[in-house]
Amino acid sequence: MQNKVVEILLVEDSLEDAELIVRTLKKHNLANHLLHVQDGEEALNYLMNENDFLPRLILLDLKMPKVDGIEVLKVLKAHPQKKLVPVVVLTSSREERDIVESYRLGVNAYIVKPVDFEKFVKAIADIGLFWLILNQPPK
């Protein structure tokens, strides 16, 4: 993939949602080092092959083609170093089994994408500000 530092790995199959997320993060100067992949297979290829370049945050959709978000979580959280990367599930799924399974696998937050445009933009800005500015991850 790319041989650079990635602060945010955005795993999102909806191009419309991805574009809105990227635009919102850029507006708040939080998307300088963002990599967008469209499915779980691409995410795992990046995460498992770019050992020196772990993102500071993964924004992960659950319902995707090829490899879904739950499978990405299983692989990621089974790895001794990579399991420390904060993962925020950002999905349209309100299914209790998805929420429970995500937390069981070690997700840091589970956020249902707001349908309202303004609420969606605010949620993305809040996620970025908290996880990239306020949160202190392990080094």
C-alpha atoms as a PDB file:
ATOM      1  CA  MET A   1       0.000   0.000   0.000  1.00  0.00           C
ATOM      2  CA  GLN A   2       1.507   3.303   1.096  1.00  0.00           C
ATOM      3  CA  ASN A   3       4.873   3.628   2.793  1.00  0.00           C
ATOM      4  CA  LYS A   4       4.067   6.492   5.154  1.00  0.00           C
ATOM      5  CA  VAL A   5       2.782   7.131   8.630  1.00  0.00           C
ATOM      6  CA  VAL A   6      -0.975   6.664   8.814  1.00  0.00           C
ATOM      7  CA  GLU A   7      -2.765   8.208  11.760  1.00  0.00           C
ATOM      8  CA  ILE A   8      -6.267   7.111  10.768  1.00  0.00           C
ATOM      9  CA  LEU A   9      -7.176   3.937   8.928  1.00  0.00           C
ATOM     10  CA  LEU A  10     -10.716   4.346   7.615  1.00  0.00           C
ATOM     11  CA  VAL A  11     -12.314   1.021   6.684  1.00  0.00           C
ATOM     12  CA  GLU A  12     -15.555   1.924   4.920  1.00  0.00           C
ATOM     13  CA  ASP A  13     -17.211   0.440   1.839  1.00  0.00           C
ATOM     14  CA  SER A  14     -19.650   3.331   1.298  1.00  0.00           C
ATOM     15  CA  LEU A  15     -17.852   5.922  -0.818  1.00  0.00           C
ATOM     16  CA  GLU A  16     -20.397   8.569   0.183  1.00  0.00           C
ATOM     17  CA  ASP A  17     -19.857   7.967   3.904  1.00  0.00           C
ATOM     18  CA  ALA A  18     -16.079   7.801   3.432  1.00  0.00           C
ATOM     19  CA  GLU A  19     -16.044  11.107   1.554  1.00  0.00           C
ATOM     20  CA  LEU A  20     -18.094  12.801   4.266  1.00  0.00           C
ATOM     21  CA  ILE A  21     -15.857  11.379   7.004  1.00  0.00           C
ATOM     22  CA  VAL A  22     -12.690  12.528   5.234  1.00  0.00           C
ATOM     23  CA  ARG A  23     -14.109  16.013   4.547  1.00  0.00           C
ATOM     24  CA  THR A  24     -15.172  16.409   8.172  1.00  0.00           C
ATOM     25  CA  LEU A  25     -11.801  15.297   9.532  1.00  0.00           C
ATOM     26  CA  LYS A  26      -9.974  17.594   7.085  1.00  0.00           C
ATOM     27  CA  LYS A  27     -12.138  20.524   8.175  1.00  0.00           C
ATOM     28  CA  HIS A  28     -10.850  19.934  11.718  1.00  0.00           C
ATOM     29  CA  ASN A  29      -7.241  19.368  10.545  1.00  0.00           C
ATOM     30  CA  LEU A  30      -7.378  15.718  11.594  1.00  0.00           C
ATOM     31  CA  ALA A  31      -6.980  13.952   8.245  1.00  0.00           C
ATOM     32  CA  ASN A  32      -3.409  14.761   7.248  1.00  0.00           C
ATOM     33  CA  HIS A  33      -2.385  11.116   7.401  1.00  0.00           C
ATOM     34  CA  LEU A  34      -5.545   9.174   6.595  1.00  0.00           C
ATOM     35  CA  LEU A  35      -5.753   5.995   4.550  1.00  0.00           C
ATOM     36  CA  HIS A  36      -9.138   4.860   3.260  1.00  0.00           C
ATOM     37  CA  VAL A  37      -9.671   1.203   2.338  1.00  0.00           C
ATOM     38  CA  GLN A  38     -12.996  -0.151   1.115  1.00  0.00           C
ATOM     39  CA  ASP A  39     -13.208  -3.542   2.800  1.00  0.00           C
ATOM     40  CA  GLY A  40     -11.845  -5.706   5.563  1.00  0.00           C
ATOM     41  CA  GLU A  41      -9.522  -7.606   3.244  1.00  0.00           C
ATOM     42  CA  GLU A  42      -7.714  -4.390   2.283  1.00  0.00           C
ATOM     43  CA  ALA A  43      -7.570  -3.365   5.941  1.00  0.00           C
ATOM     44  CA  LEU A  44      -5.995  -6.651   7.013  1.00  0.00           C
ATOM     45  CA  ASN A  45      -3.529  -6.556   4.113  1.00  0.00           C
ATOM     46  CA  TYR A  46      -2.411  -3.116   5.251  1.00  0.00           C
ATOM     47  CA  LEU A  47      -2.331  -3.873   8.970  1.00  0.00           C
ATOM     48  CA  MET A  48      -0.585  -7.226   8.716  1.00  0.00           C
ATOM     49  CA  ASN A  49       1.976  -6.184   6.090  1.00  0.00           C
ATOM     50  CA  GLU A  50       2.925  -2.693   7.271  1.00  0.00           C
ATOM     51  CA  ASN A  51       4.400  -3.726  10.618  1.00  0.00           C
ATOM     52  CA  ASP A  52       6.222  -0.457  11.294  1.00  0.00           C
ATOM     53  CA  PHE A  53       3.272   1.776  10.494  1.00  0.00           C
ATOM     54  CA  LEU A  54       0.429   1.222  12.928  1.00  0.00           C
ATOM     55  CA  PRO A  55      -2.337   3.818  12.793  1.00  0.00           C
ATOM     56  CA  ARG A  56      -3.286   5.795  15.877  1.00  0.00           C
ATOM     57  CA  LEU A  57      -6.954   5.065  15.200  1.00  0.00           C
ATOM     58  CA  ILE A  58      -9.025   2.669  13.116  1.00  0.00           C
ATOM     59  CA  LEU A  59     -12.538   3.700  12.078  1.00  0.00           C
ATOM     60  CA  LEU A  60     -14.184   0.420  11.157  1.00  0.00           C
ATOM     61  CA  ASP A  61     -17.473  -0.299   9.414  1.00  0.00           C
ATOM     62  CA  LEU A  62     -18.949  -3.732  10.152  1.00  0.00           C
ATOM     63  CA  LYS A  63     -21.074  -4.603   7.137  1.00  0.00           C
ATOM     64  CA  MET A  64     -18.638  -4.840   4.217  1.00  0.00           C
ATOM     65  CA  PRO A  65     -17.982  -7.163   1.278  1.00  0.00           C
ATOM     66  CA  LYS A  66     -15.184  -9.773   1.283  1.00  0.00           C
ATOM     67  CA  VAL A  67     -14.134  -9.592   4.956  1.00  0.00           C
ATOM     68  CA  ASP A  68     -16.495  -7.906   7.426  1.00  0.00           C
ATOM     69  CA  GLY A  69     -15.570  -5.744  10.387  1.00  0.00           C
ATOM     70  CA  ILE A  70     -16.040  -8.518  12.954  1.00  0.00           C
ATOM     71  CA  GLU A  71     -13.428 -10.648  11.168  1.00  0.00           C
ATOM     72  CA  VAL A  72     -11.050  -7.669  11.058  1.00  0.00           C
ATOM     73  CA  LEU A  73     -11.490  -7.254  14.816  1.00  0.00           C
ATOM     74  CA  LYS A  74     -10.821 -10.953  15.447  1.00  0.00           C
ATOM     75  CA  VAL A  75      -7.523 -10.864  13.547  1.00  0.00           C
ATOM     76  CA  LEU A  76      -6.428  -7.465  14.857  1.00  0.00           C
ATOM     77  CA  LYS A  77      -7.183  -8.138  18.513  1.00  0.00           C
ATOM     78  CA  ALA A  78      -5.416 -11.518  18.397  1.00  0.00           C
ATOM     79  CA  HIS A  79      -2.118  -9.823  17.473  1.00  0.00           C
ATOM     80  CA  PRO A  80       0.025  -8.836  20.504  1.00  0.00           C
ATOM     81  CA  GLN A  81       1.137  -5.428  19.161  1.00  0.00           C
ATOM     82  CA  LYS A  82      -1.734  -4.480  16.887  1.00  0.00           C
ATOM     83  CA  LYS A  83      -4.427  -5.158  19.489  1.00  0.00           C
ATOM     84  CA  LEU A  84      -3.386  -1.931  21.229  1.00  0.00           C
ATOM     85  CA  VAL A  85      -4.539   0.251  18.310  1.00  0.00           C
ATOM     86  CA  PRO A  86      -7.826   1.945  19.266  1.00  0.00           C
ATOM     87  CA  VAL A  87     -10.738   0.798  17.103  1.00  0.00           C
ATOM     88  CA  VAL A  88     -13.981   2.718  16.803  1.00  0.00           C
ATOM     89  CA  VAL A  89     -16.756   0.820  15.075  1.00  0.00           C
ATOM     90  CA  LEU A  90     -18.700   3.290  12.947  1.00  0.00           C
ATOM     91  CA  THR A  91     -21.608   1.457  11.397  1.00  0.00           C
ATOM     92  CA  SER A  92     -25.286   1.584  10.544  1.00  0.00           C
ATOM     93  CA  SER A  93     -25.933  -1.661  12.451  1.00  0.00           C
ATOM     94  CA  ARG A  94     -27.968  -1.370  15.639  1.00  0.00           C
ATOM     95  CA  GLU A  95     -28.081  -5.154  16.030  1.00  0.00           C
ATOM     96  CA  GLU A  96     -27.414  -6.153  19.628  1.00  0.00           C
ATOM     97  CA  ARG A  97     -25.342  -9.171  18.552  1.00  0.00           C
ATOM     98  CA  ASP A  98     -23.007  -6.862  16.560  1.00  0.00           C
ATOM     99  CA  ILE A  99     -22.621  -4.523  19.527  1.00  0.00           C
ATOM    100  CA  VAL A 100     -21.961  -7.353  21.998  1.00  0.00           C
ATOM    101  CA  GLU A 101     -19.545  -9.169  19.675  1.00  0.00           C
ATOM    102  CA  SER A 102     -17.634  -5.959  18.908  1.00  0.00           C
ATOM    103  CA  TYR A 103     -17.097  -5.202  22.591  1.00  0.00           C
ATOM    104  CA  ARG A 104     -16.296  -8.843  23.342  1.00  0.00           C
ATOM    105  CA  LEU A 105     -13.530  -8.614  20.734  1.00  0.00           C
ATOM    106  CA  GLY A 106     -12.087  -5.476  22.322  1.00  0.00           C
ATOM    107  CA  VAL A 107     -13.472  -2.551  20.345  1.00  0.00           C
ATOM    108  CA  ASN A 108     -12.927   0.801  22.071  1.00  0.00           C
ATOM    109  CA  ALA A 109     -16.228   2.383  21.014  1.00  0.00           C
ATOM    110  CA  TYR A 110     -19.302   1.421  19.003  1.00  0.00           C
ATOM    111  CA  ILE A 111     -21.064   4.280  17.248  1.00  0.00           C
ATOM    112  CA  VAL A 112     -24.144   3.960  15.077  1.00  0.00           C
ATOM    113  CA  LYS A 113     -23.885   6.368  12.140  1.00  0.00           C
ATOM    114  CA  PRO A 114     -26.437   9.128  12.629  1.00  0.00           C
ATOM    115  CA  VAL A 115     -28.859   9.437   9.710  1.00  0.00           C
ATOM    116  CA  ASP A 116     -29.126  13.214  10.127  1.00  0.00           C
ATOM    117  CA  PHE A 117     -26.354  14.998   8.177  1.00  0.00           C
ATOM    118  CA  GLU A 118     -25.467  17.527  10.891  1.00  0.00           C
ATOM    119  CA  LYS A 119     -25.412  14.864  13.617  1.00  0.00           C
ATOM    120  CA  PHE A 120     -23.208  12.646  11.424  1.00  0.00           C
ATOM    121  CA  VAL A 121     -20.718  15.480  10.849  1.00  0.00           C
ATOM    122  CA  LYS A 122     -20.650  16.336  14.570  1.00  0.00           C
ATOM    123  CA  ALA A 123     -20.142  12.687  15.544  1.00  0.00           C
ATOM    124  CA  ILE A 124     -17.166  12.373  13.168  1.00  0.00           C
ATOM    125  CA  ALA A 125     -15.613  15.608  14.434  1.00  0.00           C
ATOM    126  CA  ASP A 126     -16.069  14.494  18.059  1.00  0.00           C
ATOM    127  CA  ILE A 127     -14.535  11.082  17.333  1.00  0.00           C
ATOM    128  CA  GLY A 128     -11.512  12.654  15.672  1.00  0.00           C
ATOM    129  CA  LEU A 129     -10.975  15.259  18.368  1.00  0.00           C
ATOM    130  CA  PHE A 130     -11.257  12.753  21.200  1.00  0.00           C
ATOM    131  CA  TRP A 131      -9.149   9.926  19.762  1.00  0.00           C
ATOM    132  CA  LEU A 132      -6.448  12.022  18.061  1.00  0.00           C
ATOM    133  CA  ILE A 133      -6.163  15.047  20.357  1.00  0.00           C
ATOM    134  CA  LEU A 134      -7.385  14.120  23.847  1.00  0.00           C
ATOM    135  CA  ASN A 135      -6.678  10.392  24.054  1.00  0.00           C
ATOM    136  CA  GLN A 136      -3.178   9.262  25.053  1.00  0.00           C
ATOM    137  CA  PRO A 137      -2.467   5.845  23.493  1.00  0.00           C
ATOM    138  CA  PRO A 138       0.455   3.592  24.455  1.00  0.00           C
ATOM    139  CA  LYS A 139       3.634   4.078  22.430  1.00  0.00           C
END
